[in-house]
Amino acid sequence: MDIFGKLAQDLKGKNRRIVFPEGSDKRIMGAAVRLKADGVVDPVLLGSEAKLNQVATDNGFDLSGIEILDPATYPASDKQAMHASLLERRKGKNTPEEVAKMLEDVSYFGTMLVYMGKVDGMVSGAVHSTGATVRPALQIVKTKPGQKRISGAFIMQKGEERYVFADCAINIELDAETMAAVAMQSAETAKLFGIDPKVAMLSFSTKGSAKGDMVTKVAEATKLVHEQAPDLAVDGELQFDAAFVPEVGALKAPGSKVAGHANVFVFPSLEAGNIGYKIAQRFGGFEAVGPILQGLNAPIADLSRGTSEEDVYKVAVITAAQVK
């Protein structure tokens, strides 16, 4: 059984409720039907019941036992409570009229279901942009205490090999503080998948082999992680080969517990992370599952718009597994 199979097995009987704002998308619906049939999560599909039933008919899906929730026909008393809760959450930042408009957006509606404890988590992004998913999450659910930023990680899997790549989805530019936060968030994600994290802070330099502000930033980020999480195995700055290949790690960073053995790779910019995971996916044949949003107060996942039904299934499993 692979790691996703194990996570799914562990979720059976826990009745984790995951809302899917894009319920009428056939990839979302197909995954929801499988998740329900497998007893992994209890999916909640947002959308018009008539439209969802038509999509189900067109694609041969059986929606028996799956909850369909139409924001347009949501009970008035529940909608009023949701409106009041969001207005309070947005204290002085939005008028009552603006809040009412926000709740017409399925991303805001779904996020409020999470915030109010009606569901345990949310999976979106098959149709909507990353911003459409992340913005409501940051405005409503917000970041965990003590964390200023969120980040996006991918689980890279091929056979028995399993790695975490971050940040590949959220922060365009990372300063030392943000890169350190991404490293610690990614280590926690690794643990969720049974990976004992060995974190490499990546650069084009290894231990001062090159100079420049970008190198200094990675070295400073590594120092911050050592200070804030002294028990975490982390090293940097490391070039990818020094982080991954034992012989190169021993040559370029002798004595390092991480060099040559890293399984969590923290990139110095979104540009590098996004390119890196796609090279591993397309050239290396790795399956890239994610992005997994890290650092939020509740499990909310942002899919790629090029996602597949299988991706949706696995991201939903990850999201449900993050529920405390």
C-alpha atoms as a PDB file:
ATOM      1  CA  MET A   1       0.000   0.000   0.000  1.00  0.00           C
ATOM      2  CA  ASP A   2       1.448   3.416  -0.967  1.00  0.00           C
ATOM      3  CA  ILE A   3       1.341   6.420   1.353  1.00  0.00           C
ATOM      4  CA  PHE A   4      -1.941   7.709  -0.073  1.00  0.00           C
ATOM      5  CA  GLY A   5      -3.521   4.302   0.351  1.00  0.00           C
ATOM      6  CA  LYS A   6      -2.381   4.247   3.980  1.00  0.00           C
ATOM      7  CA  LEU A   7      -3.728   7.737   4.643  1.00  0.00           C
ATOM      8  CA  ALA A   8      -7.039   6.791   3.032  1.00  0.00           C
ATOM      9  CA  GLN A   9      -7.211   3.622   5.122  1.00  0.00           C
ATOM     10  CA  ASP A  10      -6.560   5.610   8.301  1.00  0.00           C
ATOM     11  CA  LEU A  11      -9.392   8.022   7.434  1.00  0.00           C
ATOM     12  CA  LYS A  12     -12.076   5.361   7.157  1.00  0.00           C
ATOM     13  CA  GLY A  13     -14.736   5.740   9.821  1.00  0.00           C
ATOM     14  CA  LYS A  14     -13.634   9.254  10.815  1.00  0.00           C
ATOM     15  CA  ASN A  15     -16.359  10.923   8.699  1.00  0.00           C
ATOM     16  CA  ARG A  16     -14.263  13.942   7.766  1.00  0.00           C
ATOM     17  CA  ARG A  17     -16.441  16.405   5.842  1.00  0.00           C
ATOM     18  CA  ILE A  18     -14.685  18.087   2.918  1.00  0.00           C
ATOM     19  CA  VAL A  19     -16.443  20.742   0.851  1.00  0.00           C
ATOM     20  CA  PHE A  20     -15.865  21.099  -2.885  1.00  0.00           C
ATOM     21  CA  PRO A  21     -17.012  24.549  -4.111  1.00  0.00           C
ATOM     22  CA  GLU A  22     -16.665  23.455  -7.773  1.00  0.00           C
ATOM     23  CA  GLY A  23     -19.142  20.605  -7.417  1.00  0.00           C
ATOM     24  CA  SER A  24     -20.339  20.570 -11.023  1.00  0.00           C
ATOM     25  CA  ASP A  25     -16.857  19.951 -12.462  1.00  0.00           C
ATOM     26  CA  LYS A  26     -16.757  16.320 -13.572  1.00  0.00           C
ATOM     27  CA  ARG A  27     -13.244  15.776 -12.168  1.00  0.00           C
ATOM     28  CA  ILE A  28     -14.413  16.996  -8.760  1.00  0.00           C
ATOM     29  CA  MET A  29     -17.606  14.975  -8.932  1.00  0.00           C
ATOM     30  CA  GLY A  30     -15.821  11.807 -10.022  1.00  0.00           C
ATOM     31  CA  ALA A  31     -13.376  12.099  -7.138  1.00  0.00           C
ATOM     32  CA  ALA A  32     -16.190  12.831  -4.678  1.00  0.00           C
ATOM     33  CA  VAL A  33     -18.097   9.733  -5.777  1.00  0.00           C
ATOM     34  CA  ARG A  34     -14.987   7.584  -5.278  1.00  0.00           C
ATOM     35  CA  LEU A  35     -14.190   9.162  -1.905  1.00  0.00           C
ATOM     36  CA  LYS A  36     -17.710   8.447  -0.701  1.00  0.00           C
ATOM     37  CA  ALA A  37     -17.738   4.900  -2.088  1.00  0.00           C
ATOM     38  CA  ASP A  38     -14.371   4.179  -0.455  1.00  0.00           C
ATOM     39  CA  GLY A  39     -15.572   5.583   2.871  1.00  0.00           C
ATOM     40  CA  VAL A  40     -12.594   7.937   3.026  1.00  0.00           C
ATOM     41  CA  VAL A  41     -14.386  11.282   3.451  1.00  0.00           C
ATOM     42  CA  ASP A  42     -17.918  12.640   3.393  1.00  0.00           C
ATOM     43  CA  PRO A  43     -17.886  15.041   0.423  1.00  0.00           C
ATOM     44  CA  VAL A  44     -20.114  18.109   0.257  1.00  0.00           C
ATOM     45  CA  LEU A  45     -20.635  19.421  -3.273  1.00  0.00           C
ATOM     46  CA  LEU A  46     -21.606  23.073  -3.759  1.00  0.00           C
ATOM     47  CA  GLY A  47     -23.841  23.988  -6.665  1.00  0.00           C
ATOM     48  CA  SER A  48     -27.308  23.803  -8.140  1.00  0.00           C
ATOM     49  CA  GLU A  49     -28.822  20.393  -7.499  1.00  0.00           C
ATOM     50  CA  ALA A  50     -30.342  20.345 -10.981  1.00  0.00           C
ATOM     51  CA  LYS A  51     -26.979  21.131 -12.615  1.00  0.00           C
ATOM     52  CA  LEU A  52     -25.095  18.612 -10.482  1.00  0.00           C
ATOM     53  CA  ASN A  53     -27.626  15.888 -11.243  1.00  0.00           C
ATOM     54  CA  GLN A  54     -27.296  16.637 -14.953  1.00  0.00           C
ATOM     55  CA  VAL A  55     -23.496  16.342 -14.791  1.00  0.00           C
ATOM     56  CA  ALA A  56     -23.897  13.086 -12.871  1.00  0.00           C
ATOM     57  CA  THR A  57     -26.282  11.710 -15.489  1.00  0.00           C
ATOM     58  CA  ASP A  58     -24.034  12.778 -18.369  1.00  0.00           C
ATOM     59  CA  ASN A  59     -21.020  11.055 -16.798  1.00  0.00           C
ATOM     60  CA  GLY A  60     -22.630   8.034 -15.208  1.00  0.00           C
ATOM     61  CA  PHE A  61     -21.963   9.138 -11.607  1.00  0.00           C
ATOM     62  CA  ASP A  62     -24.102   7.938  -8.716  1.00  0.00           C
ATOM     63  CA  LEU A  63     -24.572  10.766  -6.207  1.00  0.00           C
ATOM     64  CA  SER A  64     -26.438   8.612  -3.695  1.00  0.00           C
ATOM     65  CA  GLY A  65     -25.478   9.602  -0.163  1.00  0.00           C
ATOM     66  CA  ILE A  66     -23.475  12.653  -1.257  1.00  0.00           C
ATOM     67  CA  GLU A  67     -24.592  15.957   0.233  1.00  0.00           C
ATOM     68  CA  ILE A  68     -25.372  18.698  -2.264  1.00  0.00           C
ATOM     69  CA  LEU A  69     -25.531  22.220  -0.911  1.00  0.00           C
ATOM     70  CA  ASP A  70     -26.824  25.058  -3.105  1.00  0.00           C
ATOM     71  CA  PRO A  71     -25.703  28.487  -1.801  1.00  0.00           C
ATOM     72  CA  ALA A  72     -28.650  30.065  -3.661  1.00  0.00           C
ATOM     73  CA  THR A  73     -31.171  28.081  -1.616  1.00  0.00           C
ATOM     74  CA  TYR A  74     -29.242  27.934   1.666  1.00  0.00           C
ATOM     75  CA  PRO A  75     -31.702  28.415   4.574  1.00  0.00           C
ATOM     76  CA  ALA A  76     -32.200  32.105   5.374  1.00  0.00           C
ATOM     77  CA  SER A  77     -31.376  31.734   9.060  1.00  0.00           C
ATOM     78  CA  ASP A  78     -28.121  29.916   8.274  1.00  0.00           C
ATOM     79  CA  LYS A  79     -27.193  32.475   5.640  1.00  0.00           C
ATOM     80  CA  GLN A  80     -27.838  35.309   8.102  1.00  0.00           C
ATOM     81  CA  ALA A  81     -25.578  33.621  10.642  1.00  0.00           C
ATOM     82  CA  MET A  82     -22.891  33.211   7.985  1.00  0.00           C
ATOM     83  CA  HIS A  83     -23.243  36.854   6.956  1.00  0.00           C
ATOM     84  CA  ALA A  84     -22.929  38.039  10.558  1.00  0.00           C
ATOM     85  CA  SER A  85     -19.895  35.822  11.155  1.00  0.00           C
ATOM     86  CA  LEU A  86     -18.084  37.038   8.043  1.00  0.00           C
ATOM     87  CA  LEU A  87     -18.953  40.689   8.805  1.00  0.00           C
ATOM     88  CA  GLU A  88     -17.437  40.258  12.259  1.00  0.00           C
ATOM     89  CA  ARG A  89     -14.366  38.536  10.811  1.00  0.00           C
ATOM     90  CA  ARG A  90     -13.835  41.397   8.362  1.00  0.00           C
ATOM     91  CA  LYS A  91     -14.286  44.062  11.085  1.00  0.00           C
ATOM     92  CA  GLY A  92     -14.507  47.423   9.378  1.00  0.00           C
ATOM     93  CA  LYS A  93     -12.862  46.160   6.180  1.00  0.00           C
ATOM     94  CA  ASN A  94     -16.109  45.369   4.348  1.00  0.00           C
ATOM     95  CA  THR A  95     -19.636  46.764   4.490  1.00  0.00           C
ATOM     96  CA  PRO A  96     -22.666  44.506   5.024  1.00  0.00           C
ATOM     97  CA  GLU A  97     -23.439  44.885   1.326  1.00  0.00           C
ATOM     98  CA  GLU A  98     -19.911  43.848   0.347  1.00  0.00           C
ATOM     99  CA  VAL A  99     -20.066  40.830   2.649  1.00  0.00           C
ATOM    100  CA  ALA A 100     -23.355  39.750   1.064  1.00  0.00           C
ATOM    101  CA  LYS A 101     -21.688  39.992  -2.356  1.00  0.00           C
ATOM    102  CA  MET A 102     -18.677  38.008  -1.161  1.00  0.00           C
ATOM    103  CA  LEU A 103     -20.930  35.160  -0.036  1.00  0.00           C
ATOM    104  CA  GLU A 104     -22.263  34.838  -3.582  1.00  0.00           C
ATOM    105  CA  ASP A 105     -18.780  33.569  -4.461  1.00  0.00           C
ATOM    106  CA  VAL A 106     -18.556  29.803  -3.862  1.00  0.00           C
ATOM    107  CA  SER A 107     -14.956  30.141  -2.661  1.00  0.00           C
ATOM    108  CA  TYR A 108     -16.000  32.518   0.129  1.00  0.00           C
ATOM    109  CA  PHE A 109     -19.079  30.433   0.875  1.00  0.00           C
ATOM    110  CA  GLY A 110     -17.039  27.241   1.134  1.00  0.00           C
ATOM    111  CA  THR A 111     -14.367  28.904   3.274  1.00  0.00           C
ATOM    112  CA  MET A 112     -17.047  30.150   5.658  1.00  0.00           C
ATOM    113  CA  LEU A 113     -18.371  26.596   6.011  1.00  0.00           C
ATOM    114  CA  VAL A 114     -14.864  25.628   7.152  1.00  0.00           C
ATOM    115  CA  TYR A 115     -14.523  28.625   9.477  1.00  0.00           C
ATOM    116  CA  MET A 116     -17.898  28.002  11.110  1.00  0.00           C
ATOM    117  CA  GLY A 117     -17.148  24.324  11.654  1.00  0.00           C
ATOM    118  CA  LYS A 118     -19.836  23.052   9.273  1.00  0.00           C
ATOM    119  CA  VAL A 119     -17.165  21.087   7.391  1.00  0.00           C
ATOM    120  CA  ASP A 120     -13.617  20.023   8.253  1.00  0.00           C
ATOM    121  CA  GLY A 121     -11.788  21.255   5.170  1.00  0.00           C
ATOM    122  CA  MET A 122     -12.068  22.507   1.594  1.00  0.00           C
ATOM    123  CA  VAL A 123     -10.634  21.495  -1.781  1.00  0.00           C
ATOM    124  CA  SER A 124     -10.907  23.988  -4.652  1.00  0.00           C
ATOM    125  CA  GLY A 125      -8.975  25.352  -7.632  1.00  0.00           C
ATOM    126  CA  ALA A 126      -9.955  22.994 -10.467  1.00  0.00           C
ATOM    127  CA  VAL A 127     -11.840  25.878 -12.062  1.00  0.00           C
ATOM    128  CA  HIS A 128     -10.833  28.922 -10.041  1.00  0.00           C
ATOM    129  CA  SER A 129      -7.418  30.584  -9.813  1.00  0.00           C
ATOM    130  CA  THR A 130      -5.066  30.167  -6.879  1.00  0.00           C
ATOM    131  CA  GLY A 131      -5.929  33.701  -5.775  1.00  0.00           C
ATOM    132  CA  ALA A 132      -9.632  32.886  -5.705  1.00  0.00           C
ATOM    133  CA  THR A 133      -8.939  30.047  -3.268  1.00  0.00           C
ATOM    134  CA  VAL A 134      -6.151  31.591  -1.202  1.00  0.00           C
ATOM    135  CA  ARG A 135      -7.637  35.074  -0.719  1.00  0.00           C
ATOM    136  CA  PRO A 136     -10.741  33.941   1.218  1.00  0.00           C
ATOM    137  CA  ALA A 137      -8.602  31.493   3.197  1.00  0.00           C
ATOM    138  CA  LEU A 138      -6.234  34.260   4.321  1.00  0.00           C
ATOM    139  CA  GLN A 139      -9.057  36.691   5.052  1.00  0.00           C
ATOM    140  CA  ILE A 140     -11.229  34.248   7.001  1.00  0.00           C
ATOM    141  CA  VAL A 141      -9.345  31.192   8.248  1.00  0.00           C
ATOM    142  CA  LYS A 142      -6.039  33.076   8.440  1.00  0.00           C
ATOM    143  CA  THR A 143      -2.608  31.740   9.352  1.00  0.00           C
ATOM    144  CA  LYS A 144      -1.701  29.631  12.349  1.00  0.00           C
ATOM    145  CA  PRO A 145      -0.607  31.518  15.479  1.00  0.00           C
ATOM    146  CA  GLY A 146       2.933  32.780  15.141  1.00  0.00           C
ATOM    147  CA  GLN A 147       3.003  32.359  11.367  1.00  0.00           C
ATOM    148  CA  LYS A 148       2.905  35.296   8.993  1.00  0.00           C
ATOM    149  CA  ARG A 149       2.928  33.449   5.674  1.00  0.00           C
ATOM    150  CA  ILE A 150       1.499  30.401   3.992  1.00  0.00           C
ATOM    151  CA  SER A 151       3.284  28.335   1.372  1.00  0.00           C
ATOM    152  CA  GLY A 152       2.580  25.631  -1.173  1.00  0.00           C
ATOM    153  CA  ALA A 153       4.267  22.221  -1.187  1.00  0.00           C
ATOM    154  CA  PHE A 154       4.152  19.287  -3.566  1.00  0.00           C
ATOM    155  CA  ILE A 155       4.577  15.654  -2.651  1.00  0.00           C
ATOM    156  CA  MET A 156       6.807  14.151  -5.322  1.00  0.00           C
ATOM    157  CA  GLN A 157       6.336  10.390  -5.569  1.00  0.00           C
ATOM    158  CA  LYS A 158       7.724   7.641  -7.795  1.00  0.00           C
ATOM    159  CA  GLY A 159       7.713   4.043  -6.609  1.00  0.00           C
ATOM    160  CA  GLU A 160       9.170   3.994  -3.101  1.00  0.00           C
ATOM    161  CA  GLU A 161      10.707   7.457  -3.510  1.00  0.00           C
ATOM    162  CA  ARG A 162       8.898  10.295  -1.788  1.00  0.00           C
ATOM    163  CA  TYR A 163       9.987  13.921  -1.378  1.00  0.00           C
ATOM    164  CA  VAL A 164       8.562  17.318  -0.430  1.00  0.00           C
ATOM    165  CA  PHE A 165       9.227  20.349  -2.665  1.00  0.00           C
ATOM    166  CA  ALA A 166       8.363  23.887  -1.502  1.00  0.00           C
ATOM    167  CA  ASP A 167       7.525  26.709  -2.030  1.00  0.00           C
ATOM    168  CA  CYS A 168       6.163  25.906  -5.471  1.00  0.00           C
ATOM    169  CA  ALA A 169       2.883  27.814  -5.452  1.00  0.00           C
ATOM    170  CA  ILE A 170       2.492  30.908  -3.254  1.00  0.00           C
ATOM    171  CA  ASN A 171       5.387  33.267  -2.408  1.00  0.00           C
ATOM    172  CA  ILE A 172       6.992  34.813  -5.468  1.00  0.00           C
ATOM    173  CA  GLU A 173       9.948  36.243  -3.564  1.00  0.00           C
ATOM    174  CA  LEU A 174      11.187  34.690  -0.318  1.00  0.00           C
ATOM    175  CA  ASP A 175      13.253  36.625   2.195  1.00  0.00           C
ATOM    176  CA  ALA A 176      15.261  34.723   4.810  1.00  0.00           C
ATOM    177  CA  GLU A 177      12.426  34.766   7.347  1.00  0.00           C
ATOM    178  CA  THR A 178       9.881  33.437   4.846  1.00  0.00           C
ATOM    179  CA  MET A 179      12.224  30.753   3.557  1.00  0.00           C
ATOM    180  CA  ALA A 180      12.804  29.602   7.140  1.00  0.00           C
ATOM    181  CA  ALA A 181       9.056  29.446   7.740  1.00  0.00           C
ATOM    182  CA  VAL A 182       8.578  27.403   4.548  1.00  0.00           C
ATOM    183  CA  ALA A 183      11.255  24.962   5.732  1.00  0.00           C
ATOM    184  CA  MET A 184       9.536  24.372   9.079  1.00  0.00           C
ATOM    185  CA  GLN A 185       6.082  24.106   7.496  1.00  0.00           C
ATOM    186  CA  SER A 186       7.395  21.617   4.938  1.00  0.00           C
ATOM    187  CA  ALA A 187       8.984  19.480   7.644  1.00  0.00           C
ATOM    188  CA  GLU A 188       5.551  19.151   9.274  1.00  0.00           C
ATOM    189  CA  THR A 189       4.022  18.172   5.929  1.00  0.00           C
ATOM    190  CA  ALA A 190       6.727  15.528   5.497  1.00  0.00           C
ATOM    191  CA  LYS A 191       5.852  14.013   8.879  1.00  0.00           C
ATOM    192  CA  LEU A 192       2.219  13.710   7.783  1.00  0.00           C
ATOM    193  CA  PHE A 193       3.437  11.321   5.074  1.00  0.00           C
ATOM    194  CA  GLY A 194       5.676   9.305   7.342  1.00  0.00           C
ATOM    195  CA  ILE A 195       8.822  11.037   6.068  1.00  0.00           C
ATOM    196  CA  ASP A 196      11.514  11.747   8.658  1.00  0.00           C
ATOM    197  CA  PRO A 197      12.407  15.248   7.406  1.00  0.00           C
ATOM    198  CA  LYS A 198      15.926  16.091   6.322  1.00  0.00           C
ATOM    199  CA  VAL A 199      15.618  19.602   4.969  1.00  0.00           C
ATOM    200  CA  ALA A 200      17.886  21.079   2.299  1.00  0.00           C
ATOM    201  CA  MET A 201      17.900  24.849   1.842  1.00  0.00           C
ATOM    202  CA  LEU A 202      18.683  25.076  -1.863  1.00  0.00           C
ATOM    203  CA  SER A 203      20.884  27.546  -3.696  1.00  0.00           C
ATOM    204  CA  PHE A 204      23.320  27.729  -6.614  1.00  0.00           C
ATOM    205  CA  SER A 205      26.051  27.668  -3.961  1.00  0.00           C
ATOM    206  CA  THR A 206      27.176  25.079  -1.406  1.00  0.00           C
ATOM    207  CA  LYS A 207      28.676  26.342   1.842  1.00  0.00           C
ATOM    208  CA  GLY A 208      30.034  29.571   0.397  1.00  0.00           C
ATOM    209  CA  SER A 209      31.228  28.220  -2.961  1.00  0.00           C
ATOM    210  CA  ALA A 210      29.609  31.288  -4.543  1.00  0.00           C
ATOM    211  CA  LYS A 211      28.859  34.759  -3.221  1.00  0.00           C
ATOM    212  CA  GLY A 212      25.906  37.111  -3.522  1.00  0.00           C
ATOM    213  CA  ASP A 213      22.778  38.344  -1.792  1.00  0.00           C
ATOM    214  CA  MET A 214      20.794  35.273  -2.877  1.00  0.00           C
ATOM    215  CA  VAL A 215      23.369  32.989  -1.241  1.00  0.00           C
ATOM    216  CA  THR A 216      23.456  35.067   1.935  1.00  0.00           C
ATOM    217  CA  LYS A 217      19.670  34.899   2.159  1.00  0.00           C
ATOM    218  CA  VAL A 218      19.660  31.078   2.118  1.00  0.00           C
ATOM    219  CA  ALA A 219      22.440  30.893   4.716  1.00  0.00           C
ATOM    220  CA  GLU A 220      20.516  33.300   6.962  1.00  0.00           C
ATOM    221  CA  ALA A 221      17.312  31.294   6.499  1.00  0.00           C
ATOM    222  CA  THR A 222      19.155  28.133   7.551  1.00  0.00           C
ATOM    223  CA  LYS A 223      20.451  29.881  10.662  1.00  0.00           C
ATOM    224  CA  LEU A 224      16.907  30.974  11.573  1.00  0.00           C
ATOM    225  CA  VAL A 225      15.628  27.393  11.301  1.00  0.00           C
ATOM    226  CA  HIS A 226      18.456  26.168  13.523  1.00  0.00           C
ATOM    227  CA  GLU A 227      17.443  28.775  16.119  1.00  0.00           C
ATOM    228  CA  GLN A 228      13.681  28.231  15.924  1.00  0.00           C
ATOM    229  CA  ALA A 229      13.606  24.448  15.415  1.00  0.00           C
ATOM    230  CA  PRO A 230      16.902  23.155  16.871  1.00  0.00           C
ATOM    231  CA  ASP A 231      15.807  19.505  16.672  1.00  0.00           C
ATOM    232  CA  LEU A 232      15.076  19.666  12.929  1.00  0.00           C
ATOM    233  CA  ALA A 233      17.688  18.202  10.565  1.00  0.00           C
ATOM    234  CA  VAL A 234      18.337  21.101   8.177  1.00  0.00           C
ATOM    235  CA  ASP A 235      21.362  22.344   6.263  1.00  0.00           C
ATOM    236  CA  GLY A 236      22.180  25.008   3.739  1.00  0.00           C
ATOM    237  CA  GLU A 237      23.043  26.577   1.587  1.00  0.00           C
ATOM    238  CA  LEU A 238      23.244  23.488  -0.628  1.00  0.00           C
ATOM    239  CA  GLN A 239      23.195  22.952  -4.365  1.00  0.00           C
ATOM    240  CA  PHE A 240      20.713  20.291  -5.418  1.00  0.00           C
ATOM    241  CA  ASP A 241      23.362  17.698  -6.226  1.00  0.00           C
ATOM    242  CA  ALA A 242      25.023  18.252  -2.852  1.00  0.00           C
ATOM    243  CA  ALA A 243      21.645  17.840  -1.156  1.00  0.00           C
ATOM    244  CA  PHE A 244      20.617  14.720  -3.078  1.00  0.00           C
ATOM    245  CA  VAL A 245      23.664  12.682  -4.141  1.00  0.00           C
ATOM    246  CA  PRO A 246      25.567  11.085  -1.220  1.00  0.00           C
ATOM    247  CA  GLU A 247      28.953  11.197  -2.947  1.00  0.00           C
ATOM    248  CA  VAL A 248      28.566  14.857  -3.896  1.00  0.00           C
ATOM    249  CA  GLY A 249      27.206  15.754  -0.454  1.00  0.00           C
ATOM    250  CA  ALA A 250      30.195  14.129   1.241  1.00  0.00           C
ATOM    251  CA  LEU A 251      32.570  16.041  -1.050  1.00  0.00           C
ATOM    252  CA  LYS A 252      30.922  19.479  -0.919  1.00  0.00           C
ATOM    253  CA  ALA A 253      29.516  19.454   2.629  1.00  0.00           C
ATOM    254  CA  PRO A 254      31.528  16.943   4.677  1.00  0.00           C
ATOM    255  CA  GLY A 255      30.049  16.149   8.070  1.00  0.00           C
ATOM    256  CA  SER A 256      26.545  17.288   7.132  1.00  0.00           C
ATOM    257  CA  LYS A 257      23.669  15.076   8.334  1.00  0.00           C
ATOM    258  CA  VAL A 258      21.487  16.369   5.482  1.00  0.00           C
ATOM    259  CA  ALA A 259      23.768  16.705   2.454  1.00  0.00           C
ATOM    260  CA  GLY A 260      23.318  13.725   0.160  1.00  0.00           C
ATOM    261  CA  HIS A 261      20.302  12.488   2.114  1.00  0.00           C
ATOM    262  CA  ALA A 262      17.740  15.290   1.867  1.00  0.00           C
ATOM    263  CA  ASN A 263      14.058  14.495   1.362  1.00  0.00           C
ATOM    264  CA  VAL A 264      12.581  17.971   1.871  1.00  0.00           C
ATOM    265  CA  PHE A 265      13.780  20.571  -0.624  1.00  0.00           C
ATOM    266  CA  VAL A 266      13.164  24.265   0.042  1.00  0.00           C
ATOM    267  CA  PHE A 267      13.717  26.464  -2.997  1.00  0.00           C
ATOM    268  CA  PRO A 268      14.928  30.077  -2.759  1.00  0.00           C
ATOM    269  CA  SER A 269      12.143  31.472  -4.949  1.00  0.00           C
ATOM    270  CA  LEU A 270       8.801  30.501  -6.419  1.00  0.00           C
ATOM    271  CA  GLU A 271      10.398  30.619  -9.858  1.00  0.00           C
ATOM    272  CA  ALA A 272      12.941  27.960  -8.886  1.00  0.00           C
ATOM    273  CA  GLY A 273      10.416  25.816  -7.019  1.00  0.00           C
ATOM    274  CA  ASN A 274       7.816  25.824  -9.755  1.00  0.00           C
ATOM    275  CA  ILE A 275      10.354  25.008 -12.458  1.00  0.00           C
ATOM    276  CA  GLY A 276      12.000  22.393 -10.263  1.00  0.00           C
ATOM    277  CA  TYR A 277       8.911  20.357  -9.488  1.00  0.00           C
ATOM    278  CA  LYS A 278       7.780  20.410 -13.122  1.00  0.00           C
ATOM    279  CA  ILE A 279      11.180  19.186 -14.332  1.00  0.00           C
ATOM    280  CA  ALA A 280      11.020  16.334 -11.815  1.00  0.00           C
ATOM    281  CA  GLN A 281       7.468  15.589 -12.946  1.00  0.00           C
ATOM    282  CA  ARG A 282       8.023  15.716 -16.697  1.00  0.00           C
ATOM    283  CA  PHE A 283      11.646  14.565 -17.060  1.00  0.00           C
ATOM    284  CA  GLY A 284      11.933  12.425 -13.958  1.00  0.00           C
ATOM    285  CA  GLY A 285       8.544  10.741 -14.128  1.00  0.00           C
ATOM    286  CA  PHE A 286       7.545  11.764 -10.608  1.00  0.00           C
ATOM    287  CA  GLU A 287       3.907  12.199  -9.682  1.00  0.00           C
ATOM    288  CA  ALA A 288       3.375  15.699  -8.251  1.00  0.00           C
ATOM    289  CA  VAL A 289       0.499  15.874  -5.779  1.00  0.00           C
ATOM    290  CA  GLY A 290      -0.550  19.319  -4.577  1.00  0.00           C
ATOM    291  CA  PRO A 291      -0.068  22.079  -4.009  1.00  0.00           C
ATOM    292  CA  ILE A 292      -0.678  21.532  -0.300  1.00  0.00           C
ATOM    293  CA  LEU A 293      -1.300  24.867   1.418  1.00  0.00           C
ATOM    294  CA  GLN A 294       0.869  25.087   4.524  1.00  0.00           C
ATOM    295  CA  GLY A 295       0.504  27.422   7.498  1.00  0.00           C
ATOM    296  CA  LEU A 296      -3.282  27.921   7.488  1.00  0.00           C
ATOM    297  CA  ASN A 297      -5.453  27.561  10.579  1.00  0.00           C
ATOM    298  CA  ALA A 298      -7.604  24.934   8.848  1.00  0.00           C
ATOM    299  CA  PRO A 299      -7.075  22.474   5.980  1.00  0.00           C
ATOM    300  CA  ILE A 300      -7.764  24.202   2.658  1.00  0.00           C
ATOM    301  CA  ALA A 301      -6.256  22.920  -0.585  1.00  0.00           C
ATOM    302  CA  ASP A 302      -5.694  24.674  -3.894  1.00  0.00           C
ATOM    303  CA  LEU A 303      -5.801  22.441  -6.968  1.00  0.00           C
ATOM    304  CA  SER A 304      -4.174  23.146 -10.290  1.00  0.00           C
ATOM    305  CA  ARG A 305      -6.637  23.955 -13.064  1.00  0.00           C
ATOM    306  CA  GLY A 306      -4.982  21.165 -15.036  1.00  0.00           C
ATOM    307  CA  THR A 307      -5.826  18.711 -12.270  1.00  0.00           C
ATOM    308  CA  SER A 308      -7.143  15.200 -12.869  1.00  0.00           C
ATOM    309  CA  GLU A 309      -9.783  13.226 -10.994  1.00  0.00           C
ATOM    310  CA  GLU A 310      -6.986  11.188  -9.401  1.00  0.00           C
ATOM    311  CA  ASP A 311      -5.244  14.387  -8.259  1.00  0.00           C
ATOM    312  CA  VAL A 312      -8.478  15.628  -6.679  1.00  0.00           C
ATOM    313  CA  TYR A 313      -8.921  12.311  -4.865  1.00  0.00           C
ATOM    314  CA  LYS A 314      -5.407  12.406  -3.427  1.00  0.00           C
ATOM    315  CA  VAL A 315      -5.507  16.086  -2.472  1.00  0.00           C
ATOM    316  CA  ALA A 316      -8.815  15.451  -0.676  1.00  0.00           C
ATOM    317  CA  VAL A 317      -7.170  12.598   1.232  1.00  0.00           C
ATOM    318  CA  ILE A 318      -4.294  14.891   2.234  1.00  0.00           C
ATOM    319  CA  THR A 319      -6.727  17.628   3.261  1.00  0.00           C
ATOM    320  CA  ALA A 320      -8.770  15.255   5.421  1.00  0.00           C
ATOM    321  CA  ALA A 321      -5.588  13.845   6.969  1.00  0.00           C
ATOM    322  CA  GLN A 322      -4.601  17.368   8.092  1.00  0.00           C
ATOM    323  CA  VAL A 323      -7.737  17.768  10.213  1.00  0.00           C
ATOM    324  CA  LYS A 324      -6.810  17.946  13.898  1.00  0.00           C
END
